[in-house]
Amino acid sequence: FDDDGAVLLTFAAVAPKTPTRSASGSVYVEGAR
């Protein structure tokens, strides 16, 4: 319930995550050994 009555929540789509770059400009591999 909100102030105006019953509601169902909707959620905006999450934008795709931009790949993180390493200091050299390559794609950073998260958690890589």
All heavy atoms as atom14 arrays in JSON, in Angstrom:
{
  "sequence": "FDDDGAVLLTFAAVAPKTPTRSASGSVYVEGAR",
  "atom14_mask": [
    [1, 1, 1, 1, 1, 1, 1, 1, 1, 1, 1, 0, 0, 0],
    [1, 1, 1, 1, 1, 1, 1, 1, 0, 0, 0, 0, 0, 0],
    [1, 1, 1, 1, 1, 1, 1, 1, 0, 0, 0, 0, 0, 0],
    [1, 1, 1, 1, 1, 1, 1, 1, 0, 0, 0, 0, 0, 0],
    [1, 1, 1, 1, 0, 0, 0, 0, 0, 0, 0, 0, 0, 0],
    [1, 1, 1, 1, 1, 0, 0, 0, 0, 0, 0, 0, 0, 0],
    [1, 1, 1, 1, 1, 1, 1, 0, 0, 0, 0, 0, 0, 0],
    [1, 1, 1, 1, 1, 1, 1, 1, 0, 0, 0, 0, 0, 0],
    [1, 1, 1, 1, 1, 1, 1, 1, 0, 0, 0, 0, 0, 0],
    [1, 1, 1, 1, 1, 1, 1, 0, 0, 0, 0, 0, 0, 0],
    [1, 1, 1, 1, 1, 1, 1, 1, 1, 1, 1, 0, 0, 0],
    [1, 1, 1, 1, 1, 0, 0, 0, 0, 0, 0, 0, 0, 0],
    [1, 1, 1, 1, 1, 0, 0, 0, 0, 0, 0, 0, 0, 0],
    [1, 1, 1, 1, 1, 1, 1, 0, 0, 0, 0, 0, 0, 0],
    [1, 1, 1, 1, 1, 0, 0, 0, 0, 0, 0, 0, 0, 0],
    [1, 1, 1, 1, 1, 1, 1, 0, 0, 0, 0, 0, 0, 0],
    [1, 1, 1, 1, 1, 1, 1, 1, 1, 0, 0, 0, 0, 0],
    [1, 1, 1, 1, 1, 1, 1, 0, 0, 0, 0, 0, 0, 0],
    [1, 1, 1, 1, 1, 1, 1, 0, 0, 0, 0, 0, 0, 0],
    [1, 1, 1, 1, 1, 1, 1, 0, 0, 0, 0, 0, 0, 0],
    [1, 1, 1, 1, 1, 1, 1, 1, 1, 1, 1, 0, 0, 0],
    [1, 1, 1, 1, 1, 1, 0, 0, 0, 0, 0, 0, 0, 0],
    [1, 1, 1, 1, 1, 0, 0, 0, 0, 0, 0, 0, 0, 0],
    [1, 1, 1, 1, 1, 1, 0, 0, 0, 0, 0, 0, 0, 0],
    [1, 1, 1, 1, 0, 0, 0, 0, 0, 0, 0, 0, 0, 0],
    [1, 1, 1, 1, 1, 1, 0, 0, 0, 0, 0, 0, 0, 0],
    [1, 1, 1, 1, 1, 1, 1, 0, 0, 0, 0, 0, 0, 0],
    [1, 1, 1, 1, 1, 1, 1, 1, 1, 1, 1, 1, 0, 0],
    [1, 1, 1, 1, 1, 1, 1, 0, 0, 0, 0, 0, 0, 0],
    [1, 1, 1, 1, 1, 1, 1, 1, 1, 0, 0, 0, 0, 0],
    [1, 1, 1, 1, 0, 0, 0, 0, 0, 0, 0, 0, 0, 0],
    [1, 1, 1, 1, 1, 0, 0, 0, 0, 0, 0, 0, 0, 0],
    [1, 1, 1, 1, 1, 1, 1, 1, 1, 1, 1, 0, 0, 0]
  ],
  "atom14_positions": [
    [[0.85, -1.19, 0.0], [0.0, 0.0, 0.0], [0.88, 1.24, 0.0], [1.88, 1.29, 0.72], [-0.91, 0.04, 1.23], [-2.02, -0.96, 1.22], [-2.13, -1.91, 2.22], [-2.97, -0.94, 0.21], [-3.16, -2.84, 2.21], [-4.01, -1.87, 0.19], [-4.1, -2.82, 1.19], [0.0, 0.0, 0.0], [0.0, 0.0, 0.0], [0.0, 0.0, 0.0]],
    [[0.53, 2.23, -0.83], [1.1, 3.56, -0.68], [-0.02, 4.49, -0.24], [-1.11, 4.04, 0.15], [1.79, 4.01, -1.97], [0.83, 4.25, -3.13], [-0.4, 4.14, -2.94], [1.32, 4.54, -4.25], [0.0, 0.0, 0.0], [0.0, 0.0, 0.0], [0.0, 0.0, 0.0], [0.0, 0.0, 0.0], [0.0, 0.0, 0.0], [0.0, 0.0, 0.0]],
    [[0.18, 5.78, -0.29], [-0.82, 6.73, 0.2], [-2.11, 6.71, -0.61], [-3.16, 7.16, -0.14], [-0.25, 8.15, 0.2], [0.85, 8.31, 1.24], [0.9, 7.49, 2.17], [1.66, 9.25, 1.11], [0.0, 0.0, 0.0], [0.0, 0.0, 0.0], [0.0, 0.0, 0.0], [0.0, 0.0, 0.0], [0.0, 0.0, 0.0], [0.0, 0.0, 0.0]],
    [[-2.06, 6.16, -1.83], [-3.24, 6.18, -2.7], [-3.88, 4.81, -2.86], [-4.78, 4.64, -3.69], [-2.87, 6.74, -4.08], [-2.4, 8.19, -4.0], [-3.04, 8.97, -3.26], [-1.39, 8.54, -4.66], [0.0, 0.0, 0.0], [0.0, 0.0, 0.0], [0.0, 0.0, 0.0], [0.0, 0.0, 0.0], [0.0, 0.0, 0.0], [0.0, 0.0, 0.0]],
    [[-3.39, 3.81, -2.13], [-4.01, 2.5, -2.22], [-3.04, 1.39, -2.56], [-1.82, 1.52, -2.4], [0.0, 0.0, 0.0], [0.0, 0.0, 0.0], [0.0, 0.0, 0.0], [0.0, 0.0, 0.0], [0.0, 0.0, 0.0], [0.0, 0.0, 0.0], [0.0, 0.0, 0.0], [0.0, 0.0, 0.0], [0.0, 0.0, 0.0], [0.0, 0.0, 0.0]],
    [[-3.6, 0.29, -3.06], [-2.8, -0.91, -3.33], [-1.93, -0.72, -4.56], [-2.36, -0.14, -5.57], [-3.72, -2.11, -3.51], [0.0, 0.0, 0.0], [0.0, 0.0, 0.0], [0.0, 0.0, 0.0], [0.0, 0.0, 0.0], [0.0, 0.0, 0.0], [0.0, 0.0, 0.0], [0.0, 0.0, 0.0], [0.0, 0.0, 0.0], [0.0, 0.0, 0.0]],
    [[-0.69, -1.23, -4.5], [0.24, -1.09, -5.62], [1.02, -2.38, -5.81], [1.24, -3.16, -4.87], [1.23, 0.07, -5.4], [0.53, 1.41, -5.34], [2.08, -0.16, -4.16], [0.0, 0.0, 0.0], [0.0, 0.0, 0.0], [0.0, 0.0, 0.0], [0.0, 0.0, 0.0], [0.0, 0.0, 0.0], [0.0, 0.0, 0.0], [0.0, 0.0, 0.0]],
    [[1.41, -2.62, -7.05], [2.39, -3.64, -7.4], [3.62, -2.91, -7.92], [3.51, -2.02, -8.77], [1.85, -4.59, -8.47], [0.76, -5.55, -8.03], [0.24, -6.35, -9.23], [1.27, -6.52, -6.95], [0.0, 0.0, 0.0], [0.0, 0.0, 0.0], [0.0, 0.0, 0.0], [0.0, 0.0, 0.0], [0.0, 0.0, 0.0], [0.0, 0.0, 0.0]],
    [[4.79, -3.26, -7.41], [6.01, -2.57, -7.8], [6.54, -3.1, -9.13], [6.53, -4.31, -9.39], [7.08, -2.74, -6.72], [6.74, -2.18, -5.33], [7.89, -2.46, -4.37], [6.45, -0.69, -5.4], [0.0, 0.0, 0.0], [0.0, 0.0, 0.0], [0.0, 0.0, 0.0], [0.0, 0.0, 0.0], [0.0, 0.0, 0.0], [0.0, 0.0, 0.0]],
    [[6.98, -2.19, -9.97], [7.7, -2.55, -11.2], [9.1, -1.97, -11.09], [9.32, -0.97, -10.39], [6.99, -2.01, -12.45], [6.94, -0.58, -12.4], [5.57, -2.56, -12.55], [0.0, 0.0, 0.0], [0.0, 0.0, 0.0], [0.0, 0.0, 0.0], [0.0, 0.0, 0.0], [0.0, 0.0, 0.0], [0.0, 0.0, 0.0], [0.0, 0.0, 0.0]],
    [[10.03, -2.59, -11.8], [11.42, -2.18, -11.68], [12.0, -1.91, -13.06], [11.8, -2.7, -13.99], [12.24, -3.27, -10.98], [11.83, -3.48, -9.55], [10.72, -4.26, -9.23], [12.53, -2.88, -8.52], [10.33, -4.45, -7.92], [12.15, -3.07, -7.19], [11.04, -3.85, -6.9], [0.0, 0.0, 0.0], [0.0, 0.0, 0.0], [0.0, 0.0, 0.0]],
    [[12.68, -0.77, -13.17], [13.29, -0.42, -14.45], [14.37, -1.43, -14.81], [15.06, -1.97, -13.93], [13.89, 0.99, -14.37], [0.0, 0.0, 0.0], [0.0, 0.0, 0.0], [0.0, 0.0, 0.0], [0.0, 0.0, 0.0], [0.0, 0.0, 0.0], [0.0, 0.0, 0.0], [0.0, 0.0, 0.0], [0.0, 0.0, 0.0], [0.0, 0.0, 0.0]],
    [[14.48, -1.7, -16.11], [15.51, -2.65, -16.56], [16.89, -2.11, -16.25], [17.15, -0.91, -16.39], [15.36, -2.89, -18.07], [0.0, 0.0, 0.0], [0.0, 0.0, 0.0], [0.0, 0.0, 0.0], [0.0, 0.0, 0.0], [0.0, 0.0, 0.0], [0.0, 0.0, 0.0], [0.0, 0.0, 0.0], [0.0, 0.0, 0.0], [0.0, 0.0, 0.0]],
    [[17.77, -2.99, -15.79], [19.14, -2.6, -15.47], [19.94, -2.52, -16.76], [19.95, -3.46, -17.56], [19.79, -3.61, -14.5], [21.23, -3.23, -14.21], [18.97, -3.7, -13.22], [0.0, 0.0, 0.0], [0.0, 0.0, 0.0], [0.0, 0.0, 0.0], [0.0, 0.0, 0.0], [0.0, 0.0, 0.0], [0.0, 0.0, 0.0], [0.0, 0.0, 0.0]],
    [[20.61, -1.38, -16.97], [21.43, -1.21, -18.17], [22.59, -2.19, -18.13], [23.15, -2.48, -17.07], [21.96, 0.21, -18.24], [0.0, 0.0, 0.0], [0.0, 0.0, 0.0], [0.0, 0.0, 0.0], [0.0, 0.0, 0.0], [0.0, 0.0, 0.0], [0.0, 0.0, 0.0], [0.0, 0.0, 0.0], [0.0, 0.0, 0.0], [0.0, 0.0, 0.0]],
    [[22.95, -2.77, -19.29], [24.08, -3.71, -19.31], [25.36, -3.04, -18.82], [25.62, -1.88, -19.14], [24.19, -4.1, -20.8], [23.44, -3.05, -21.54], [22.38, -2.55, -20.63], [0.0, 0.0, 0.0], [0.0, 0.0, 0.0], [0.0, 0.0, 0.0], [0.0, 0.0, 0.0], [0.0, 0.0, 0.0], [0.0, 0.0, 0.0], [0.0, 0.0, 0.0]],
    [[26.1, -3.76, -18.01], [27.31, -3.21, -17.42], [28.41, -3.08, -18.47], [28.71, -4.01, -19.2], [27.78, -4.12, -16.28], [28.94, -3.55, -15.48], [29.29, -4.48, -14.33], [30.48, -3.93, -13.55], [30.84, -4.83, -12.44], [0.0, 0.0, 0.0], [0.0, 0.0, 0.0], [0.0, 0.0, 0.0], [0.0, 0.0, 0.0], [0.0, 0.0, 0.0]],
    [[29.0, -1.88, -18.53], [30.11, -1.66, -19.45], [31.35, -2.39, -18.93], [31.67, -2.28, -17.75], [30.42, -0.16, -19.56], [29.24, 0.52, -20.0], [31.55, 0.09, -20.55], [0.0, 0.0, 0.0], [0.0, 0.0, 0.0], [0.0, 0.0, 0.0], [0.0, 0.0, 0.0], [0.0, 0.0, 0.0], [0.0, 0.0, 0.0], [0.0, 0.0, 0.0]],
    [[32.03, -3.14, -19.78], [33.22, -3.86, -19.32], [34.24, -2.89, -18.69], [34.51, -1.83, -19.23], [33.78, -4.5, -20.6], [32.62, -4.56, -21.53], [31.77, -3.37, -21.21], [0.0, 0.0, 0.0], [0.0, 0.0, 0.0], [0.0, 0.0, 0.0], [0.0, 0.0, 0.0], [0.0, 0.0, 0.0], [0.0, 0.0, 0.0], [0.0, 0.0, 0.0]],
    [[34.79, -3.28, -17.56], [35.82, -2.48, -16.91], [37.13, -2.67, -17.65], [37.47, -3.77, -18.07], [35.98, -2.92, -15.44], [34.71, -2.81, -14.8], [36.99, -2.06, -14.71], [0.0, 0.0, 0.0], [0.0, 0.0, 0.0], [0.0, 0.0, 0.0], [0.0, 0.0, 0.0], [0.0, 0.0, 0.0], [0.0, 0.0, 0.0], [0.0, 0.0, 0.0]],
    [[37.86, -1.58, -17.81], [39.13, -1.62, -18.52], [40.3, -1.62, -17.54], [40.26, -0.95, -16.51], [39.25, -0.42, -19.46], [38.2, -0.41, -20.57], [38.49, -1.46, -21.61], [37.4, -1.58, -22.58], [37.44, -2.41, -23.63], [38.5, -3.18, -23.82], [36.44, -2.48, -24.46], [0.0, 0.0, 0.0], [0.0, 0.0, 0.0], [0.0, 0.0, 0.0]],
    [[41.34, -2.36, -17.87], [42.55, -2.34, -17.07], [43.34, -1.09, -17.42], [42.99, -0.33, -18.32], [43.4, -3.59, -17.34], [43.96, -3.53, -18.64], [0.0, 0.0, 0.0], [0.0, 0.0, 0.0], [0.0, 0.0, 0.0], [0.0, 0.0, 0.0], [0.0, 0.0, 0.0], [0.0, 0.0, 0.0], [0.0, 0.0, 0.0], [0.0, 0.0, 0.0]],
    [[44.46, -0.87, -16.72], [45.27, 0.32, -16.97], [45.84, 0.34, -18.38], [46.14, 1.41, -18.92], [46.41, 0.39, -15.94], [0.0, 0.0, 0.0], [0.0, 0.0, 0.0], [0.0, 0.0, 0.0], [0.0, 0.0, 0.0], [0.0, 0.0, 0.0], [0.0, 0.0, 0.0], [0.0, 0.0, 0.0], [0.0, 0.0, 0.0], [0.0, 0.0, 0.0]],
    [[45.97, -0.82, -19.02], [46.5, -0.88, -20.38], [45.43, -0.67, -21.44], [45.72, -0.61, -22.62], [47.18, -2.23, -20.62], [46.22, -3.26, -20.67], [0.0, 0.0, 0.0], [0.0, 0.0, 0.0], [0.0, 0.0, 0.0], [0.0, 0.0, 0.0], [0.0, 0.0, 0.0], [0.0, 0.0, 0.0], [0.0, 0.0, 0.0], [0.0, 0.0, 0.0]],
    [[44.15, -0.6, -21.0], [43.05, -0.44, -21.95], [42.4, -1.75, -22.33], [41.38, -1.76, -23.03], [0.0, 0.0, 0.0], [0.0, 0.0, 0.0], [0.0, 0.0, 0.0], [0.0, 0.0, 0.0], [0.0, 0.0, 0.0], [0.0, 0.0, 0.0], [0.0, 0.0, 0.0], [0.0, 0.0, 0.0], [0.0, 0.0, 0.0], [0.0, 0.0, 0.0]],
    [[42.93, -2.89, -21.87], [42.32, -4.18, -22.16], [41.13, -4.4, -21.23], [40.95, -3.7, -20.23], [43.34, -5.3, -21.97], [43.74, -5.38, -20.61], [0.0, 0.0, 0.0], [0.0, 0.0, 0.0], [0.0, 0.0, 0.0], [0.0, 0.0, 0.0], [0.0, 0.0, 0.0], [0.0, 0.0, 0.0], [0.0, 0.0, 0.0], [0.0, 0.0, 0.0]],
    [[40.29, -5.38, -21.57], [39.15, -5.7, -20.71], [39.65, -6.33, -19.42], [40.41, -7.31, -19.44], [38.17, -6.66, -21.42], [37.05, -7.08, -20.47], [37.59, -5.99, -22.66], [0.0, 0.0, 0.0], [0.0, 0.0, 0.0], [0.0, 0.0, 0.0], [0.0, 0.0, 0.0], [0.0, 0.0, 0.0], [0.0, 0.0, 0.0], [0.0, 0.0, 0.0]],
    [[39.22, -5.77, -18.29], [39.64, -6.28, -16.99], [38.86, -7.56, -16.68], [37.63, -7.58, -16.72], [39.39, -5.25, -15.9], [39.94, -5.63, -14.55], [41.25, -5.36, -14.22], [39.14, -6.29, -13.62], [41.77, -5.72, -12.99], [39.65, -6.65, -12.39], [40.96, -6.37, -12.07], [41.47, -6.73, -10.86], [0.0, 0.0, 0.0], [0.0, 0.0, 0.0]],
    [[39.59, -8.64, -16.38], [38.97, -9.93, -16.08], [38.8, -10.02, -14.58], [39.76, -10.24, -13.84], [39.82, -11.1, -16.62], [39.12, -12.43, -16.34], [40.1, -10.92, -18.1], [0.0, 0.0, 0.0], [0.0, 0.0, 0.0], [0.0, 0.0, 0.0], [0.0, 0.0, 0.0], [0.0, 0.0, 0.0], [0.0, 0.0, 0.0], [0.0, 0.0, 0.0]],
    [[37.55, -9.85, -14.11], [37.26, -9.81, -12.68], [37.5, -11.18, -12.04], [37.03, -12.2, -12.52], [35.8, -9.4, -12.46], [35.46, -9.08, -11.02], [36.07, -7.78, -10.55], [36.13, -6.83, -11.34], [36.5, -7.75, -9.37], [0.0, 0.0, 0.0], [0.0, 0.0, 0.0], [0.0, 0.0, 0.0], [0.0, 0.0, 0.0], [0.0, 0.0, 0.0]],
    [[38.28, -11.18, -10.97], [38.49, -12.39, -10.19], [39.38, -13.44, -10.85], [39.47, -14.56, -10.36], [0.0, 0.0, 0.0], [0.0, 0.0, 0.0], [0.0, 0.0, 0.0], [0.0, 0.0, 0.0], [0.0, 0.0, 0.0], [0.0, 0.0, 0.0], [0.0, 0.0, 0.0], [0.0, 0.0, 0.0], [0.0, 0.0, 0.0], [0.0, 0.0, 0.0]],
    [[40.03, -13.07, -11.96], [40.86, -14.06, -12.66], [42.13, -14.35, -11.87], [42.75, -13.46, -11.29], [41.23, -13.54, -14.06], [0.0, 0.0, 0.0], [0.0, 0.0, 0.0], [0.0, 0.0, 0.0], [0.0, 0.0, 0.0], [0.0, 0.0, 0.0], [0.0, 0.0, 0.0], [0.0, 0.0, 0.0], [0.0, 0.0, 0.0], [0.0, 0.0, 0.0]],
    [[42.52, -15.61, -11.85], [43.76, -15.99, -11.19], [44.92, -15.83, -12.17], [44.78, -15.99, -13.37], [43.69, -17.43, -10.71], [42.67, -17.68, -9.61], [42.73, -19.12, -9.15], [41.79, -19.39, -8.06], [41.67, -20.56, -7.47], [42.41, -21.58, -7.87], [40.79, -20.71, -6.49], [0.0, 0.0, 0.0], [0.0, 0.0, 0.0], [0.0, 0.0, 0.0]]
  ]
}
